[in-house]
Amino acid sequence: MPSTGEMLLTNQVWPVMLTPMNLDRTIDWDGVDRVTDWYIDAGITGLFTNSRSSEVEFLTPDERVKLAERVVRRADGRAAVVATGTFGASAEDEIESIKRIADVGADAVILLTNHLGNQAASEAAWTAKLEAIVEGTGDVKLGFYECPTPWKRLIPANVFRWAAETGRFVFHKDLTFDMDDIKDKIEAARGTDLRIYNGEITSTYQSIVAGAHGHSGYASSLNPRLMVWLCANAHRDDDTVRTVQRLMSIFERMINLAYPSSAKQLLAVTGELDITPMSRMNGANPLGAHDFDSLLDMVELIKSLDLDLN
């Protein structure tokens, strides 16, 4: 079995992990173990916890550390683990937070690009904070996530190139929704360890053909096996690849309503996971039959197509 360091640089699909919760909305730690096993059993060798889908914004600092530690321990070398470590604090506090996540075994610690300054922060101020964090975190492997909430902060091409050339950055979840921008980043990172994962399912295989390294998004929580197949076979660029991507694009859009509660509810009802639909995210509550039945129909539709995934 390859090491997690090797998986960090070879895995193509990084699901943004769901965080199971009890009925009182405390973290279901046994459920975290089940979710971790479920992703790995589906062929996933890289896990992104403390992501937005993990409800990181609604966890306490100690819960974030404990969640990363639990996933690392349960994965037990079967998958690389990355976890968010920045939450909009001062550079000094962010450095301490990153070190705490690294100390529990995360293979890389992710920086939320919109948490390196307020919405009005200049590029110079944003970059200065980034440089301070990089300098203050020793040899910890790092990554970027262009998180869309509470606002989206995209990384300028010159800063992306600088990050790649430091040798410290190994992960980038891209949310530009722009193939030209992705291609610029691919070129900027060429020859370095910085790997680019498209967060937009509708252009995933096209970005891989262009030189990106895979996908990181919540489509991987709806059908991880299908996403593993899609990324592994993207270069075929044939009708089956296009059909799988279209199906997952529609499925991901459908699950947006009341997400991540809707995703947890679907996985529980279909027997994929023993978890509740509970969530701390604002507006995320279990769906009624009118909204939920269409998700079940989508699951059955994918099964009925009997896709040839050879």
Foldseek 3Di string as FASTA:
>chain_A
DDFQLVLLLAFFEEEAFAFFADPVRDTPLVQLLQSLVLLLVLPGQEYEYCDVLNVVVPDDLVVQLVSLLSSCVSCVRSHAYEYEQADQDALVNSLVSLVSNVVSPHQEYEYALCSQDDPPDDPVSSLVSVVSSVVSNPQGAYEYEQDPPPHGDDDDLVSLLVVLVVLRYQEYEDDPPDLVVLLSSQVSNPPGNHAYAYAQLLCFLVSVCSPGRHHYYNLCLQRVNLRSLLRVCSNVVDPLSNVSSVLSNVLVVLQPQLPPLLSQVVCCVVVNGVGHSDDPDPNRDYDDCVSNVVNVVSVVVVVVVVRDSD
